[in-house]
Amino acid sequence: MNFRQIILPALAMAAIVLVSNILVQFPLNAWLTWGAFSYPVAYFVTDVCNRVAGPQLARRVAWFGFAVGLTCSAILAPARIAIASGSAFIVSQLLDVAVFNQLRKQSWWKAPLFGSLAASIIDTGIFFSLAFAGTAVPWLPFAGGDLTVKLLMAFALLPPYRALVRRLTRS
């Protein structure tokens, strides 16, 4: 594994975390924030890395994204959001890598789909409970809307995942 392998996915991961931490503060309606649309792309990045270069690179990308994203979020987002995001992010990313690896030899779509689904459930539970429990924010409807979008995005990102993996493995 070299610097060139990790830099683009790690920067993408950091950007996704930062943008999501900011967007989660802006409701779209009574049950959804804008962050629900950007965050699922983090699992896409992890899964592409895992398929193309293996779990070691995927975990390193997740840890790099965690460090950079948490640092930037601590500056740009409220502390509670940054801590909740960082905690949910690293737990769910490492879960995604583990589930992906258990399913990697099955049909091409099973590992990224089930890894993303499991990680999305855990991420949503950790993030929303840490970020908003005990506040005036009606977080349960937001968590439900967020999870629904994450689950839909897990399916929607399968075709781009397949295309990108094919392209990268031919190179």
Protein backbone atom coordinates (compact mmCIF):
# COMPACT_ATOMS: atom_id res chain seq x y z
CA MET A 1 0.00 0.00 0.00
CA ASN A 2 1.40 3.38 -0.94
CA PHE A 3 0.57 7.04 -0.48
CA ARG A 4 -1.11 7.29 -3.89
CA GLN A 5 -3.52 4.47 -3.03
CA ILE A 6 -4.73 6.11 0.14
CA ILE A 7 -4.70 9.85 -0.53
CA LEU A 8 -7.71 10.24 -2.85
CA PRO A 9 -10.09 7.98 -0.93
CA ALA A 10 -8.91 9.42 2.40
CA LEU A 11 -9.51 12.98 1.23
CA ALA A 12 -12.90 11.98 -0.16
CA MET A 13 -13.77 10.39 3.16
CA ALA A 14 -12.72 13.46 5.12
CA ALA A 15 -14.76 15.72 2.84
CA ILE A 16 -17.84 13.52 3.17
CA VAL A 17 -17.64 13.58 6.96
CA LEU A 18 -17.15 17.33 7.10
CA VAL A 19 -19.96 18.12 4.66
CA SER A 20 -22.29 15.69 6.41
CA ASN A 21 -21.57 17.19 9.84
CA ILE A 22 -22.51 20.60 8.54
CA LEU A 23 -25.55 19.48 6.53
CA VAL A 24 -27.04 17.45 9.41
CA GLN A 25 -27.72 20.76 11.15
CA PHE A 26 -30.14 21.86 8.42
CA PRO A 27 -33.57 20.21 8.36
CA LEU A 28 -35.15 19.52 5.00
CA ASN A 29 -38.49 18.81 6.66
CA ALA A 30 -39.79 17.47 10.00
CA TRP A 31 -38.00 14.13 9.64
CA LEU A 32 -34.95 14.63 7.45
CA THR A 33 -31.76 16.67 7.33
CA TRP A 34 -29.60 17.38 4.29
CA GLY A 35 -26.79 15.30 5.81
CA ALA A 36 -28.73 12.12 5.09
CA PHE A 37 -27.90 12.47 1.40
CA SER A 38 -24.15 12.97 1.70
CA TYR A 39 -23.17 10.60 4.48
CA PRO A 40 -23.99 7.24 2.78
CA VAL A 41 -21.28 8.00 0.22
CA ALA A 42 -18.73 7.27 2.99
CA TYR A 43 -19.71 3.58 2.87
CA PHE A 44 -19.36 3.67 -0.90
CA VAL A 45 -15.75 4.91 -0.55
CA THR A 46 -14.93 2.28 2.08
CA ASP A 47 -16.47 -0.51 0.03
CA VAL A 48 -14.66 0.45 -3.18
CA CYS A 49 -11.36 0.55 -1.27
CA ASN A 50 -12.12 -2.78 0.34
CA ARG A 51 -12.96 -4.49 -2.95
CA VAL A 52 -10.06 -3.02 -4.92
CA ALA A 53 -7.25 -3.05 -2.34
CA GLY A 54 -8.50 -5.01 0.67
CA PRO A 55 -9.61 -4.40 4.23
CA GLN A 56 -6.30 -2.94 5.42
CA LEU A 57 -6.61 0.02 3.03
CA ALA A 58 -10.32 0.40 3.80
CA ARG A 59 -9.60 0.62 7.54
CA ARG A 60 -6.77 3.12 6.99
CA VAL A 61 -9.01 5.28 4.84
CA ALA A 62 -11.68 5.14 7.53
CA TRP A 63 -9.20 6.13 10.27
CA PHE A 64 -7.80 8.95 8.15
CA GLY A 65 -11.29 10.19 7.35
CA PHE A 66 -12.13 9.98 11.02
CA ALA A 67 -9.09 12.04 12.10
CA VAL A 68 -9.42 14.72 9.45
CA GLY A 69 -13.20 14.84 9.59
CA LEU A 70 -13.27 15.08 13.38
CA THR A 71 -10.64 17.82 13.41
CA CYS A 72 -12.46 19.89 10.79
CA SER A 73 -15.83 19.22 12.37
CA ALA A 74 -14.56 20.33 15.77
CA ILE A 75 -13.74 23.67 14.19
CA LEU A 76 -16.85 24.10 12.04
CA ALA A 77 -19.59 22.20 13.88
CA PRO A 78 -20.75 22.25 17.49
CA ALA A 79 -18.69 19.97 19.76
CA ARG A 80 -21.60 17.65 20.44
CA ILE A 81 -22.13 17.10 16.70
CA ALA A 82 -18.39 16.52 16.13
CA ILE A 83 -18.12 13.96 18.95
CA ALA A 84 -21.31 12.17 17.94
CA SER A 85 -20.24 12.10 14.33
CA GLY A 86 -16.75 10.86 15.05
CA SER A 87 -18.00 8.10 17.34
CA ALA A 88 -20.71 6.93 14.96
CA PHE A 89 -18.41 7.23 11.96
CA ILE A 90 -15.54 5.06 13.16
CA VAL A 91 -17.74 2.36 14.70
CA SER A 92 -19.93 2.11 11.60
CA GLN A 93 -17.02 2.24 9.15
CA LEU A 94 -15.15 -0.55 10.93
CA LEU A 95 -18.39 -2.56 11.03
CA ASP A 96 -18.85 -1.98 7.29
CA VAL A 97 -15.33 -3.30 6.63
CA ALA A 98 -15.93 -6.37 8.82
CA VAL A 99 -19.31 -7.25 7.27
CA PHE A 100 -17.92 -6.63 3.77
CA ASN A 101 -15.04 -9.04 4.42
CA GLN A 102 -17.39 -11.76 5.64
CA LEU A 103 -19.38 -11.49 2.39
CA ARG A 104 -16.66 -10.55 -0.11
CA LYS A 105 -16.61 -13.95 -1.87
CA GLN A 106 -20.35 -13.99 -2.46
CA SER A 107 -22.19 -12.15 -5.25
CA TRP A 108 -20.62 -8.76 -6.03
CA TRP A 109 -23.52 -6.80 -4.54
CA LYS A 110 -23.92 -8.60 -1.20
CA ALA A 111 -20.80 -7.29 0.54
CA PRO A 112 -21.35 -3.58 -0.20
CA LEU A 113 -25.10 -3.75 0.35
CA PHE A 114 -25.17 -5.66 3.63
CA GLY A 115 -22.09 -3.87 4.95
CA SER A 116 -23.72 -0.52 4.25
CA LEU A 117 -27.08 -1.58 5.69
CA ALA A 118 -25.58 -2.82 8.97
CA ALA A 119 -23.28 0.20 9.26
CA SER A 120 -26.13 2.62 8.52
CA ILE A 121 -28.28 1.23 11.31
CA ILE A 122 -25.46 1.43 13.85
CA ASP A 123 -24.31 4.86 12.66
CA THR A 124 -27.80 6.33 12.89
CA GLY A 125 -28.37 5.00 16.39
CA ILE A 126 -25.03 6.21 17.73
CA PHE A 127 -25.04 9.60 15.99
CA PHE A 128 -28.56 10.76 16.73
CA SER A 129 -28.61 9.55 20.31
CA LEU A 130 -25.27 11.21 21.14
CA ALA A 131 -25.91 14.38 19.14
CA PHE A 132 -29.47 15.15 20.13
CA ALA A 133 -30.72 13.08 23.09
CA GLY A 134 -31.70 15.41 25.91
CA THR A 135 -32.03 18.42 23.62
CA ALA A 136 -35.12 20.13 22.24
CA VAL A 137 -34.40 18.69 18.79
CA PRO A 138 -37.04 16.11 17.79
CA TRP A 139 -34.31 13.62 16.93
CA LEU A 140 -36.30 10.39 16.63
CA PRO A 141 -38.13 11.50 13.46
CA PHE A 142 -34.82 12.79 12.08
CA ALA A 143 -33.13 9.48 12.89
CA GLY A 144 -35.95 7.59 11.14
CA GLY A 145 -35.77 9.79 8.05
CA ASP A 146 -31.98 9.65 8.03
CA LEU A 147 -31.95 5.87 8.26
CA THR A 148 -34.54 5.54 5.50
CA VAL A 149 -32.42 7.66 3.15
CA LYS A 150 -29.24 5.73 4.08
CA LEU A 151 -30.94 2.43 3.32
CA LEU A 152 -32.24 3.72 -0.01
CA MET A 153 -28.80 5.13 -0.85
CA ALA A 154 -27.21 1.73 -0.12
CA PHE A 155 -29.28 0.34 -3.00
CA ALA A 156 -28.86 3.39 -5.25
CA LEU A 157 -25.07 3.33 -4.93
CA LEU A 158 -24.75 -0.30 -6.09
CA PRO A 159 -24.59 0.50 -9.84
CA PRO A 160 -21.91 3.22 -9.41
CA TYR A 161 -20.03 0.86 -7.06
CA ARG A 162 -20.07 -1.91 -9.68
CA ALA A 163 -18.95 0.44 -12.46
CA LEU A 164 -16.12 2.02 -10.44
CA VAL A 165 -14.83 -1.31 -9.14
CA ARG A 166 -14.77 -2.71 -12.68
CA ARG A 167 -12.89 0.34 -13.93
CA LEU A 168 -10.35 0.31 -11.10
CA THR A 169 -9.68 -3.41 -11.27
CA ARG A 170 -9.00 -3.23 -15.02
CA SER A 171 -6.34 -0.57 -14.50
